[in-house]
Amino acid sequence: MVDIALSALEVATVQTGARAVDTLRDTAAFAQELERLGYHRIWYAEHHHSPAIGAFPPVVLTAHSAASTSVIRVGSGGVLAPNHAPITLAEQFGTLAALHRDRIDMGIGRGPGTFDEATARALRRGVAPATDAEYEGDVAAILSFLVDEVALDPLPEPWLLASSTAGAALAAKLGLPIAIAHHIRPDNTLAALERYRGAFTPSRWCEQPRVLLCVEAVCADTEEEAAWRVGPMEVIKAGLLKGLSETPFPTPAEAAGHPFTAQEREALAGFRAQQAVGTPKTVVHRLTELVGETGADELMLTTPVYDLRDRIHSYELIKKYSEAMTAP
């Protein structure tokens, strides 16, 4: 059974019919509920120019949630290094770590956070996408600025987000704990972990390989209800399969009436089988399998469902069932 730390990734979806300010209002309430349930940390992802996901800077959401909670760790998952000056990120997260001692994480990622080319160019002031060497330089500079320029105590805990062997190799080279995006590219997970563990070099940040596995987990009281709740995100994924990024986050009823093609249904079913969707028993069993397959030290669950109450209920069911199964 799952007997390792459980955490959460919040992507701040903006539902059809809701306003972005409603999503922002929910972020603190969600963090407070996760803290009450005993989750270890909550991270916020960076996205831009999406009708389904709010363009809310992770550093701002981290500050807001840290001020609204007292125990749970909070941070970015991730803040995207190519979009920001390394010294700015070091100063921002260093300041948060000093204000909220031993509670701030800085998960660093590479992607632009958008499928819109004009937005990506605007984020980088017209500069071309970062090369591998530039990204490595940015991450190294962030770490250096934390130590040499910010030099506050304590420092934020840095993580490197990865969904490929290239990202895993960089995390190993820099001696950083790694957050594997199994919820995005599950087929790459095992190869990335093999590369990471095989090449890991100890550092001041991490003495030995340390793995957080991010999994899409949607839990409900029945299998049918779980399938109902996961429907809206499947509409978004079907749009991405077609190269469409301008898809609003639909209601479950709208998703239930969506005309998926046979090819889309097959692809979505294959993806869902690698995540964790269903009743508490089904979800915890699948999470246990993933821990066994990957040797993960921590699981981070992302639950992109339509209603905040349903999202909280999913996390509550998973936590309570996990604790019941691991109790002596």
C-alpha atoms as a PDB file:
ATOM      1  CA  MET A   1       0.000   0.000   0.000  1.00  0.00           C
ATOM      2  CA  VAL A   2       1.016   3.651  -0.363  1.00  0.00           C
ATOM      3  CA  ASP A   3       3.140   4.458   2.683  1.00  0.00           C
ATOM      4  CA  ILE A   4       5.148   7.387   1.331  1.00  0.00           C
ATOM      5  CA  ALA A   5       4.418  11.123   1.400  1.00  0.00           C
ATOM      6  CA  LEU A   6       1.459  12.300  -0.683  1.00  0.00           C
ATOM      7  CA  SER A   7       1.432  15.778  -2.216  1.00  0.00           C
ATOM      8  CA  ALA A   8      -0.594  17.759  -4.759  1.00  0.00           C
ATOM      9  CA  LEU A   9      -0.044  19.671  -7.983  1.00  0.00           C
ATOM     10  CA  GLU A  10      -2.545  22.465  -8.645  1.00  0.00           C
ATOM     11  CA  VAL A  11      -2.914  23.636 -12.236  1.00  0.00           C
ATOM     12  CA  ALA A  12      -5.618  26.194 -11.419  1.00  0.00           C
ATOM     13  CA  THR A  13      -8.211  25.282 -14.051  1.00  0.00           C
ATOM     14  CA  VAL A  14     -10.748  27.959 -14.978  1.00  0.00           C
ATOM     15  CA  GLN A  15     -14.060  26.219 -15.525  1.00  0.00           C
ATOM     16  CA  THR A  16     -16.622  27.138 -18.139  1.00  0.00           C
ATOM     17  CA  GLY A  17     -18.907  29.780 -16.684  1.00  0.00           C
ATOM     18  CA  ALA A  18     -16.455  30.767 -13.948  1.00  0.00           C
ATOM     19  CA  ARG A  19     -14.110  33.737 -13.689  1.00  0.00           C
ATOM     20  CA  ALA A  20     -10.394  33.649 -13.131  1.00  0.00           C
ATOM     21  CA  VAL A  21     -10.933  35.437  -9.824  1.00  0.00           C
ATOM     22  CA  ASP A  22     -13.084  32.495  -8.679  1.00  0.00           C
ATOM     23  CA  THR A  23     -10.174  30.149  -9.330  1.00  0.00           C
ATOM     24  CA  LEU A  24      -7.863  32.419  -7.375  1.00  0.00           C
ATOM     25  CA  ARG A  25     -10.295  32.477  -4.461  1.00  0.00           C
ATOM     26  CA  ASP A  26     -10.292  28.691  -4.409  1.00  0.00           C
ATOM     27  CA  THR A  27      -6.493  28.314  -4.278  1.00  0.00           C
ATOM     28  CA  ALA A  28      -6.146  29.229  -0.606  1.00  0.00           C
ATOM     29  CA  ALA A  29      -9.173  27.148   0.373  1.00  0.00           C
ATOM     30  CA  PHE A  30      -7.740  24.165  -1.479  1.00  0.00           C
ATOM     31  CA  ALA A  31      -4.338  24.505   0.203  1.00  0.00           C
ATOM     32  CA  GLN A  32      -6.001  24.762   3.599  1.00  0.00           C
ATOM     33  CA  GLU A  33      -8.004  21.592   2.964  1.00  0.00           C
ATOM     34  CA  LEU A  34      -4.913  19.692   1.848  1.00  0.00           C
ATOM     35  CA  GLU A  35      -3.119  20.807   4.989  1.00  0.00           C
ATOM     36  CA  ARG A  36      -6.051  19.584   7.096  1.00  0.00           C
ATOM     37  CA  LEU A  37      -5.898  16.213   5.341  1.00  0.00           C
ATOM     38  CA  GLY A  38      -2.183  15.859   6.020  1.00  0.00           C
ATOM     39  CA  TYR A  39      -0.741  16.253   2.528  1.00  0.00           C
ATOM     40  CA  HIS A  40       2.974  17.013   2.470  1.00  0.00           C
ATOM     41  CA  ARG A  41       3.188  19.799  -0.123  1.00  0.00           C
ATOM     42  CA  ILE A  42       1.269  21.645  -2.824  1.00  0.00           C
ATOM     43  CA  TRP A  43       2.865  23.027  -5.992  1.00  0.00           C
ATOM     44  CA  TYR A  44       1.570  25.464  -8.589  1.00  0.00           C
ATOM     45  CA  ALA A  45       2.270  25.173 -12.309  1.00  0.00           C
ATOM     46  CA  GLU A  46       3.108  27.988 -14.705  1.00  0.00           C
ATOM     47  CA  HIS A  47       0.785  28.362 -17.704  1.00  0.00           C
ATOM     48  CA  HIS A  48       0.064  31.154 -20.169  1.00  0.00           C
ATOM     49  CA  HIS A  49      -2.590  32.011 -22.789  1.00  0.00           C
ATOM     50  CA  SER A  50      -4.923  29.110 -22.015  1.00  0.00           C
ATOM     51  CA  PRO A  51      -8.717  29.349 -21.742  1.00  0.00           C
ATOM     52  CA  ALA A  52      -8.715  26.312 -19.445  1.00  0.00           C
ATOM     53  CA  ILE A  53      -5.837  27.151 -17.067  1.00  0.00           C
ATOM     54  CA  GLY A  54      -5.268  30.458 -15.332  1.00  0.00           C
ATOM     55  CA  ALA A  55      -2.114  32.471 -16.086  1.00  0.00           C
ATOM     56  CA  PHE A  56      -1.278  32.850 -12.417  1.00  0.00           C
ATOM     57  CA  PRO A  57       2.448  33.166 -11.560  1.00  0.00           C
ATOM     58  CA  PRO A  58       3.511  30.269  -9.310  1.00  0.00           C
ATOM     59  CA  VAL A  59       5.502  32.613  -7.073  1.00  0.00           C
ATOM     60  CA  VAL A  60       2.357  34.649  -6.354  1.00  0.00           C
ATOM     61  CA  LEU A  61       0.209  31.584  -5.655  1.00  0.00           C
ATOM     62  CA  THR A  62       2.989  30.191  -3.470  1.00  0.00           C
ATOM     63  CA  ALA A  63       3.097  33.405  -1.439  1.00  0.00           C
ATOM     64  CA  HIS A  64      -0.691  33.521  -1.129  1.00  0.00           C
ATOM     65  CA  SER A  65      -1.037  29.904  -0.010  1.00  0.00           C
ATOM     66  CA  ALA A  66       1.959  30.055   2.326  1.00  0.00           C
ATOM     67  CA  ALA A  67       0.329  33.010   4.083  1.00  0.00           C
ATOM     68  CA  SER A  68      -2.958  31.088   4.318  1.00  0.00           C
ATOM     69  CA  THR A  69      -1.479  27.887   5.804  1.00  0.00           C
ATOM     70  CA  SER A  70       0.991  26.986   8.527  1.00  0.00           C
ATOM     71  CA  VAL A  71       2.473  23.517   7.983  1.00  0.00           C
ATOM     72  CA  ILE A  72       2.133  22.265   4.408  1.00  0.00           C
ATOM     73  CA  ARG A  73       5.082  22.907   2.066  1.00  0.00           C
ATOM     74  CA  VAL A  74       4.250  25.148  -0.900  1.00  0.00           C
ATOM     75  CA  GLY A  75       6.052  26.024  -4.094  1.00  0.00           C
ATOM     76  CA  SER A  76       6.288  25.877  -7.862  1.00  0.00           C
ATOM     77  CA  GLY A  77       5.823  22.841  -9.990  1.00  0.00           C
ATOM     78  CA  GLY A  78       7.183  24.419 -11.881  1.00  0.00           C
ATOM     79  CA  VAL A  79       8.376  27.868 -12.546  1.00  0.00           C
ATOM     80  CA  LEU A  80       9.771  27.868 -16.092  1.00  0.00           C
ATOM     81  CA  ALA A  81      13.388  28.988 -16.159  1.00  0.00           C
ATOM     82  CA  PRO A  82      13.536  30.210 -19.798  1.00  0.00           C
ATOM     83  CA  ASN A  83      10.774  32.751 -19.075  1.00  0.00           C
ATOM     84  CA  HIS A  84      12.539  34.491 -16.190  1.00  0.00           C
ATOM     85  CA  ALA A  85      15.860  36.031 -15.212  1.00  0.00           C
ATOM     86  CA  PRO A  86      17.676  33.540 -12.935  1.00  0.00           C
ATOM     87  CA  ILE A  87      18.490  36.161 -10.317  1.00  0.00           C
ATOM     88  CA  THR A  88      14.844  37.223 -10.138  1.00  0.00           C
ATOM     89  CA  LEU A  89      13.703  33.670  -9.416  1.00  0.00           C
ATOM     90  CA  ALA A  90      16.415  33.272  -6.803  1.00  0.00           C
ATOM     91  CA  GLU A  91      15.378  36.505  -5.093  1.00  0.00           C
ATOM     92  CA  GLN A  92      11.656  35.705  -5.198  1.00  0.00           C
ATOM     93  CA  PHE A  93      11.839  32.176  -3.827  1.00  0.00           C
ATOM     94  CA  GLY A  94      14.679  33.033  -1.467  1.00  0.00           C
ATOM     95  CA  THR A  95      12.533  35.754   0.061  1.00  0.00           C
ATOM     96  CA  LEU A  96       9.575  33.402   0.414  1.00  0.00           C
ATOM     97  CA  ALA A  97      11.774  30.805   2.108  1.00  0.00           C
ATOM     98  CA  ALA A  98      12.975  33.381   4.613  1.00  0.00           C
ATOM     99  CA  LEU A  99       9.409  34.494   5.333  1.00  0.00           C
ATOM    100  CA  HIS A 100       7.985  30.957   5.600  1.00  0.00           C
ATOM    101  CA  ARG A 101      10.819  28.952   7.108  1.00  0.00           C
ATOM    102  CA  ASP A 102      11.410  25.400   5.838  1.00  0.00           C
ATOM    103  CA  ARG A 103       8.201  25.388   3.803  1.00  0.00           C
ATOM    104  CA  ILE A 104       9.132  26.732   0.345  1.00  0.00           C
ATOM    105  CA  ASP A 105       9.997  24.623  -2.700  1.00  0.00           C
ATOM    106  CA  MET A 106      11.266  25.846  -6.059  1.00  0.00           C
ATOM    107  CA  GLY A 107      10.452  23.297  -8.742  1.00  0.00           C
ATOM    108  CA  ILE A 108      12.144  24.402 -11.979  1.00  0.00           C
ATOM    109  CA  GLY A 109      10.975  23.415 -15.463  1.00  0.00           C
ATOM    110  CA  ARG A 110      11.887  24.120 -19.049  1.00  0.00           C
ATOM    111  CA  GLY A 111       8.829  24.460 -21.294  1.00  0.00           C
ATOM    112  CA  PRO A 112       7.317  27.825 -22.285  1.00  0.00           C
ATOM    113  CA  GLY A 113       4.033  27.070 -20.516  1.00  0.00           C
ATOM    114  CA  THR A 114       2.021  27.819 -23.643  1.00  0.00           C
ATOM    115  CA  PHE A 115       1.264  26.428 -27.083  1.00  0.00           C
ATOM    116  CA  ASP A 116       0.858  29.941 -28.507  1.00  0.00           C
ATOM    117  CA  GLU A 117       4.001  31.059 -30.345  1.00  0.00           C
ATOM    118  CA  ALA A 118       3.319  34.779 -29.935  1.00  0.00           C
ATOM    119  CA  THR A 119       2.920  34.345 -26.187  1.00  0.00           C
ATOM    120  CA  ALA A 120       6.081  32.265 -25.973  1.00  0.00           C
ATOM    121  CA  ARG A 121       8.012  34.980 -27.839  1.00  0.00           C
ATOM    122  CA  ALA A 122       6.575  37.677 -25.575  1.00  0.00           C
ATOM    123  CA  LEU A 123       7.664  35.764 -22.476  1.00  0.00           C
ATOM    124  CA  ARG A 124      11.214  35.616 -23.842  1.00  0.00           C
ATOM    125  CA  ARG A 125      11.171  39.167 -25.239  1.00  0.00           C
ATOM    126  CA  GLY A 126      11.366  37.877 -28.784  1.00  0.00           C
ATOM    127  CA  VAL A 127      14.290  35.554 -28.149  1.00  0.00           C
ATOM    128  CA  ALA A 128      14.209  32.064 -29.676  1.00  0.00           C
ATOM    129  CA  PRO A 129      13.402  29.048 -27.483  1.00  0.00           C
ATOM    130  CA  ALA A 130      16.171  28.082 -25.069  1.00  0.00           C
ATOM    131  CA  THR A 131      18.700  25.493 -26.190  1.00  0.00           C
ATOM    132  CA  ASP A 132      19.741  22.624 -23.931  1.00  0.00           C
ATOM    133  CA  ALA A 133      22.910  24.490 -23.019  1.00  0.00           C
ATOM    134  CA  GLU A 134      21.020  27.714 -22.248  1.00  0.00           C
ATOM    135  CA  TYR A 135      18.532  25.903 -20.048  1.00  0.00           C
ATOM    136  CA  GLU A 136      21.301  24.166 -18.129  1.00  0.00           C
ATOM    137  CA  GLY A 137      23.000  27.525 -17.695  1.00  0.00           C
ATOM    138  CA  ASP A 138      19.794  29.095 -16.401  1.00  0.00           C
ATOM    139  CA  VAL A 139      19.236  26.365 -13.799  1.00  0.00           C
ATOM    140  CA  ALA A 140      22.859  26.500 -12.668  1.00  0.00           C
ATOM    141  CA  ALA A 141      22.637  30.291 -12.407  1.00  0.00           C
ATOM    142  CA  ILE A 142      19.487  30.105 -10.264  1.00  0.00           C
ATOM    143  CA  LEU A 143      21.226  27.763  -7.841  1.00  0.00           C
ATOM    144  CA  SER A 144      24.341  29.937  -7.785  1.00  0.00           C
ATOM    145  CA  PHE A 145      22.367  33.119  -7.145  1.00  0.00           C
ATOM    146  CA  LEU A 146      20.518  31.418  -4.282  1.00  0.00           C
ATOM    147  CA  VAL A 147      23.804  30.672  -2.535  1.00  0.00           C
ATOM    148  CA  ASP A 148      25.992  33.624  -3.494  1.00  0.00           C
ATOM    149  CA  GLU A 149      23.562  36.539  -3.879  1.00  0.00           C
ATOM    150  CA  VAL A 150      20.412  35.740  -1.893  1.00  0.00           C
ATOM    151  CA  ALA A 151      22.253  33.832   0.852  1.00  0.00           C
ATOM    152  CA  LEU A 152      19.234  33.804   3.175  1.00  0.00           C
ATOM    153  CA  ASP A 153      18.555  31.116   5.721  1.00  0.00           C
ATOM    154  CA  PRO A 154      16.829  28.834   5.074  1.00  0.00           C
ATOM    155  CA  LEU A 155      16.962  28.589   1.285  1.00  0.00           C
ATOM    156  CA  PRO A 156      14.085  27.159  -0.739  1.00  0.00           C
ATOM    157  CA  GLU A 157      14.302  23.480  -1.624  1.00  0.00           C
ATOM    158  CA  PRO A 158      15.105  23.236  -5.363  1.00  0.00           C
ATOM    159  CA  TRP A 159      13.709  20.463  -7.568  1.00  0.00           C
ATOM    160  CA  LEU A 160      14.126  19.858 -11.285  1.00  0.00           C
ATOM    161  CA  LEU A 161      11.018  18.904 -13.240  1.00  0.00           C
ATOM    162  CA  ALA A 162      11.576  16.389 -16.028  1.00  0.00           C
ATOM    163  CA  SER A 163       9.596  14.316 -18.496  1.00  0.00           C
ATOM    164  CA  SER A 164      12.543  13.030 -20.581  1.00  0.00           C
ATOM    165  CA  THR A 165      15.955  11.435 -20.221  1.00  0.00           C
ATOM    166  CA  ALA A 166      17.569  14.786 -21.070  1.00  0.00           C
ATOM    167  CA  GLY A 167      15.913  16.486 -18.107  1.00  0.00           C
ATOM    168  CA  ALA A 168      16.763  13.524 -15.895  1.00  0.00           C
ATOM    169  CA  ALA A 169      20.427  13.739 -16.940  1.00  0.00           C
ATOM    170  CA  LEU A 170      20.535  17.425 -15.979  1.00  0.00           C
ATOM    171  CA  ALA A 171      18.993  16.744 -12.564  1.00  0.00           C
ATOM    172  CA  ALA A 172      21.590  14.026 -12.008  1.00  0.00           C
ATOM    173  CA  LYS A 173      24.458  16.270 -13.106  1.00  0.00           C
ATOM    174  CA  LEU A 174      23.402  19.108 -10.792  1.00  0.00           C
ATOM    175  CA  GLY A 175      22.597  16.798  -7.891  1.00  0.00           C
ATOM    176  CA  LEU A 176      18.968  17.893  -7.609  1.00  0.00           C
ATOM    177  CA  PRO A 177      15.913  15.942  -6.503  1.00  0.00           C
ATOM    178  CA  ILE A 178      13.747  15.174  -9.514  1.00  0.00           C
ATOM    179  CA  ALA A 179      10.003  15.534 -10.105  1.00  0.00           C
ATOM    180  CA  ILE A 180       8.964  13.190 -12.911  1.00  0.00           C
ATOM    181  CA  ALA A 181       5.963  14.333 -14.975  1.00  0.00           C
ATOM    182  CA  HIS A 182       4.348  10.915 -15.306  1.00  0.00           C
ATOM    183  CA  HIS A 183       1.028  12.737 -15.741  1.00  0.00           C
ATOM    184  CA  ILE A 184       2.317  14.234 -18.995  1.00  0.00           C
ATOM    185  CA  ARG A 185       4.647  11.686 -20.601  1.00  0.00           C
ATOM    186  CA  PRO A 186       4.227   8.386 -18.776  1.00  0.00           C
ATOM    187  CA  ASP A 187       6.010   6.385 -21.468  1.00  0.00           C
ATOM    188  CA  ASN A 188       9.258   8.183 -20.597  1.00  0.00           C
ATOM    189  CA  THR A 189       9.142   7.612 -16.845  1.00  0.00           C
ATOM    190  CA  LEU A 190      11.215   4.454 -16.414  1.00  0.00           C
ATOM    191  CA  ALA A 191      13.926   5.471 -18.883  1.00  0.00           C
ATOM    192  CA  ALA A 192      14.229   8.899 -17.260  1.00  0.00           C
ATOM    193  CA  LEU A 193      14.545   7.392 -13.795  1.00  0.00           C
ATOM    194  CA  GLU A 194      17.193   4.926 -14.958  1.00  0.00           C
ATOM    195  CA  ARG A 195      19.215   7.797 -16.426  1.00  0.00           C
ATOM    196  CA  TYR A 196      18.790   9.897 -13.288  1.00  0.00           C
ATOM    197  CA  ARG A 197      19.792   7.222 -10.801  1.00  0.00           C
ATOM    198  CA  GLY A 198      22.635   5.933 -12.925  1.00  0.00           C
ATOM    199  CA  ALA A 199      24.298   9.336 -13.357  1.00  0.00           C
ATOM    200  CA  PHE A 200      23.453  11.053 -10.070  1.00  0.00           C
ATOM    201  CA  THR A 201      26.158  13.224  -8.508  1.00  0.00           C
ATOM    202  CA  PRO A 202      25.690  14.260  -4.844  1.00  0.00           C
ATOM    203  CA  SER A 203      25.506  17.989  -4.151  1.00  0.00           C
ATOM    204  CA  ARG A 204      24.723  20.431  -1.352  1.00  0.00           C
ATOM    205  CA  TRP A 205      21.089  20.133  -2.396  1.00  0.00           C
ATOM    206  CA  CYS A 206      20.756  16.372  -2.387  1.00  0.00           C
ATOM    207  CA  GLU A 207      23.089  13.612  -1.174  1.00  0.00           C
ATOM    208  CA  GLN A 208      21.421  10.758  -3.055  1.00  0.00           C
ATOM    209  CA  PRO A 209      18.777  10.342  -5.769  1.00  0.00           C
ATOM    210  CA  ARG A 210      15.378  11.538  -4.635  1.00  0.00           C
ATOM    211  CA  VAL A 211      12.286  10.994  -6.774  1.00  0.00           C
ATOM    212  CA  LEU A 212       8.859  12.617  -6.725  1.00  0.00           C
ATOM    213  CA  LEU A 213       6.423  11.055  -9.184  1.00  0.00           C
ATOM    214  CA  CYS A 214       3.521  13.206 -10.391  1.00  0.00           C
ATOM    215  CA  VAL A 215       0.431  11.184 -11.319  1.00  0.00           C
ATOM    216  CA  GLU A 216      -3.026  12.151 -12.493  1.00  0.00           C
ATOM    217  CA  ALA A 217      -5.370  10.803  -9.835  1.00  0.00           C
ATOM    218  CA  VAL A 218      -9.152  11.168  -9.899  1.00  0.00           C
ATOM    219  CA  CYS A 219     -10.970   9.334  -7.128  1.00  0.00           C
ATOM    220  CA  ALA A 220     -14.680   9.066  -6.380  1.00  0.00           C
ATOM    221  CA  ASP A 221     -17.055   6.824  -4.450  1.00  0.00           C
ATOM    222  CA  THR A 222     -17.868   4.780  -7.576  1.00  0.00           C
ATOM    223  CA  GLU A 223     -16.080   3.959 -10.819  1.00  0.00           C
ATOM    224  CA  GLU A 224     -18.874   5.625 -12.770  1.00  0.00           C
ATOM    225  CA  GLU A 225     -18.569   8.854 -10.814  1.00  0.00           C
ATOM    226  CA  ALA A 226     -14.786   8.898 -11.297  1.00  0.00           C
ATOM    227  CA  ALA A 227     -15.258   8.491 -15.060  1.00  0.00           C
ATOM    228  CA  TRP A 228     -17.777  11.359 -14.984  1.00  0.00           C
ATOM    229  CA  ARG A 229     -15.339  13.646 -13.175  1.00  0.00           C
ATOM    230  CA  VAL A 230     -12.402  12.848 -15.451  1.00  0.00           C
ATOM    231  CA  GLY A 231     -14.443  13.647 -18.577  1.00  0.00           C
ATOM    232  CA  PRO A 232     -13.678  17.395 -18.841  1.00  0.00           C
ATOM    233  CA  MET A 233      -9.914  16.837 -18.825  1.00  0.00           C
ATOM    234  CA  GLU A 234     -10.289  14.166 -21.477  1.00  0.00           C
ATOM    235  CA  VAL A 235     -11.920  16.747 -23.734  1.00  0.00           C
ATOM    236  CA  ILE A 236      -8.874  18.978 -23.221  1.00  0.00           C
ATOM    237  CA  LYS A 237      -6.526  16.093 -24.017  1.00  0.00           C
ATOM    238  CA  ALA A 238      -8.473  15.159 -27.132  1.00  0.00           C
ATOM    239  CA  GLY A 239      -8.054  18.746 -28.308  1.00  0.00           C
ATOM    240  CA  LEU A 240      -4.305  18.556 -27.706  1.00  0.00           C
ATOM    241  CA  LEU A 241      -4.167  15.358 -29.773  1.00  0.00           C
ATOM    242  CA  LYS A 242      -5.539  17.442 -32.643  1.00  0.00           C
ATOM    243  CA  GLY A 243      -3.091  20.255 -32.000  1.00  0.00           C
ATOM    244  CA  LEU A 244      -5.781  22.464 -30.463  1.00  0.00           C
ATOM    245  CA  SER A 245      -4.769  24.424 -27.376  1.00  0.00           C
ATOM    246  CA  GLU A 246      -7.694  26.857 -27.248  1.00  0.00           C
ATOM    247  CA  THR A 247     -10.156  24.480 -25.594  1.00  0.00           C
ATOM    248  CA  PRO A 248     -12.113  25.806 -22.586  1.00  0.00           C
ATOM    249  CA  PHE A 249     -12.512  23.525 -19.557  1.00  0.00           C
ATOM    250  CA  PRO A 250     -16.025  22.058 -20.017  1.00  0.00           C
ATOM    251  CA  THR A 251     -18.547  20.901 -17.447  1.00  0.00           C
ATOM    252  CA  PRO A 252     -18.847  17.141 -16.831  1.00  0.00           C
ATOM    253  CA  ALA A 253     -22.225  17.184 -18.615  1.00  0.00           C
ATOM    254  CA  GLU A 254     -20.684  18.877 -21.658  1.00  0.00           C
ATOM    255  CA  ALA A 255     -17.830  16.390 -21.611  1.00  0.00           C
ATOM    256  CA  ALA A 256     -20.252  13.463 -21.462  1.00  0.00           C
ATOM    257  CA  GLY A 257     -21.762  14.633 -24.746  1.00  0.00           C
ATOM    258  CA  HIS A 258     -18.426  15.250 -26.485  1.00  0.00           C
ATOM    259  CA  PRO A 259     -18.071  13.313 -29.780  1.00  0.00           C
ATOM    260  CA  PHE A 260     -14.741  11.517 -29.270  1.00  0.00           C
ATOM    261  CA  THR A 261     -13.415   9.635 -32.262  1.00  0.00           C
ATOM    262  CA  ALA A 262     -12.485   5.966 -31.943  1.00  0.00           C
ATOM    263  CA  GLN A 263      -8.811   6.909 -32.210  1.00  0.00           C
ATOM    264  CA  GLU A 264      -9.175   9.503 -29.435  1.00  0.00           C
ATOM    265  CA  ARG A 265     -10.973   7.049 -27.168  1.00  0.00           C
ATOM    266  CA  GLU A 266      -8.191   4.500 -27.649  1.00  0.00           C
ATOM    267  CA  ALA A 267      -5.464   7.046 -26.930  1.00  0.00           C
ATOM    268  CA  LEU A 268      -7.263   8.386 -23.853  1.00  0.00           C
ATOM    269  CA  ALA A 269      -7.898   4.895 -22.490  1.00  0.00           C
ATOM    270  CA  GLY A 270      -4.209   4.069 -22.908  1.00  0.00           C
ATOM    271  CA  PHE A 271      -3.186   7.199 -21.051  1.00  0.00           C
ATOM    272  CA  ARG A 272      -5.741   6.673 -18.284  1.00  0.00           C
ATOM    273  CA  ALA A 273      -4.449   3.146 -17.690  1.00  0.00           C
ATOM    274  CA  GLN A 274      -1.065   4.621 -16.749  1.00  0.00           C
ATOM    275  CA  GLN A 275      -2.604   7.050 -14.242  1.00  0.00           C
ATOM    276  CA  ALA A 276      -4.970   6.391 -11.303  1.00  0.00           C
ATOM    277  CA  VAL A 277      -8.717   6.811 -11.830  1.00  0.00           C
ATOM    278  CA  GLY A 278     -11.554   5.121  -9.971  1.00  0.00           C
ATOM    279  CA  THR A 279     -12.690   4.226  -6.468  1.00  0.00           C
ATOM    280  CA  PRO A 280     -10.319   4.564  -3.483  1.00  0.00           C
ATOM    281  CA  LYS A 281      -9.398   0.886  -3.748  1.00  0.00           C
ATOM    282  CA  THR A 282      -8.658   1.150  -7.464  1.00  0.00           C
ATOM    283  CA  VAL A 283      -6.681   4.388  -7.169  1.00  0.00           C
ATOM    284  CA  VAL A 284      -4.585   3.372  -4.160  1.00  0.00           C
ATOM    285  CA  HIS A 285      -3.831  -0.004  -5.759  1.00  0.00           C
ATOM    286  CA  ARG A 286      -2.628   1.725  -8.918  1.00  0.00           C
ATOM    287  CA  LEU A 287      -0.555   4.230  -6.950  1.00  0.00           C
ATOM    288  CA  THR A 288       0.993   1.341  -5.041  1.00  0.00           C
ATOM    289  CA  GLU A 289       1.891  -0.309  -8.349  1.00  0.00           C
ATOM    290  CA  LEU A 290       3.540   2.877  -9.575  1.00  0.00           C
ATOM    291  CA  VAL A 291       5.603   3.186  -6.411  1.00  0.00           C
ATOM    292  CA  GLY A 292       6.741  -0.402  -6.861  1.00  0.00           C
ATOM    293  CA  GLU A 293       7.589   0.119 -10.539  1.00  0.00           C
ATOM    294  CA  THR A 294       9.456   3.385 -10.061  1.00  0.00           C
ATOM    295  CA  GLY A 295      10.807   3.327  -6.515  1.00  0.00           C
ATOM    296  CA  ALA A 296       9.408   6.830  -6.012  1.00  0.00           C
ATOM    297  CA  ASP A 297      10.074   8.489  -2.666  1.00  0.00           C
ATOM    298  CA  GLU A 298       6.957  10.665  -2.885  1.00  0.00           C
ATOM    299  CA  LEU A 299       3.774  10.841  -4.945  1.00  0.00           C
ATOM    300  CA  MET A 300       2.329  14.111  -6.180  1.00  0.00           C
ATOM    301  CA  LEU A 301      -1.270  13.871  -7.321  1.00  0.00           C
ATOM    302  CA  THR A 302      -2.849  16.180  -9.854  1.00  0.00           C
ATOM    303  CA  THR A 303      -6.636  16.119 -10.026  1.00  0.00           C
ATOM    304  CA  PRO A 304      -7.980  18.314 -12.843  1.00  0.00           C
ATOM    305  CA  VAL A 305     -11.701  17.976 -12.186  1.00  0.00           C
ATOM    306  CA  TYR A 306     -14.392  20.583 -12.625  1.00  0.00           C
ATOM    307  CA  ASP A 307     -15.614  21.326  -9.113  1.00  0.00           C
ATOM    308  CA  LEU A 308     -13.461  22.297  -6.124  1.00  0.00           C
ATOM    309  CA  ARG A 309     -15.570  20.149  -3.803  1.00  0.00           C
ATOM    310  CA  ASP A 310     -15.070  17.108  -6.039  1.00  0.00           C
ATOM    311  CA  ARG A 311     -11.330  17.780  -6.171  1.00  0.00           C
ATOM    312  CA  ILE A 312     -11.075  17.981  -2.391  1.00  0.00           C
ATOM    313  CA  HIS A 313     -13.226  14.857  -2.033  1.00  0.00           C
ATOM    314  CA  SER A 314     -10.856  12.959  -4.334  1.00  0.00           C
ATOM    315  CA  TYR A 315      -7.841  13.876  -2.208  1.00  0.00           C
ATOM    316  CA  GLU A 316      -9.735  13.019   0.959  1.00  0.00           C
ATOM    317  CA  LEU A 317     -10.743   9.574  -0.284  1.00  0.00           C
ATOM    318  CA  ILE A 318      -7.188   8.726  -1.342  1.00  0.00           C
ATOM    319  CA  LYS A 319      -5.623   9.913   1.904  1.00  0.00           C
ATOM    320  CA  LYS A 320      -8.107   8.146   4.154  1.00  0.00           C
ATOM    321  CA  TYR A 321      -7.934   4.871   2.235  1.00  0.00           C
ATOM    322  CA  SER A 322      -4.118   4.970   2.165  1.00  0.00           C
ATOM    323  CA  GLU A 323      -3.968   5.568   5.897  1.00  0.00           C
ATOM    324  CA  ALA A 324      -6.496   2.808   6.596  1.00  0.00           C
ATOM    325  CA  MET A 325      -4.503   0.303   4.565  1.00  0.00           C
ATOM    326  CA  THR A 326      -1.161   1.180   6.206  1.00  0.00           C
ATOM    327  CA  ALA A 327      -2.467   1.328   9.779  1.00  0.00           C
ATOM    328  CA  PRO A 328      -1.103  -1.403  12.092  1.00  0.00           C
END
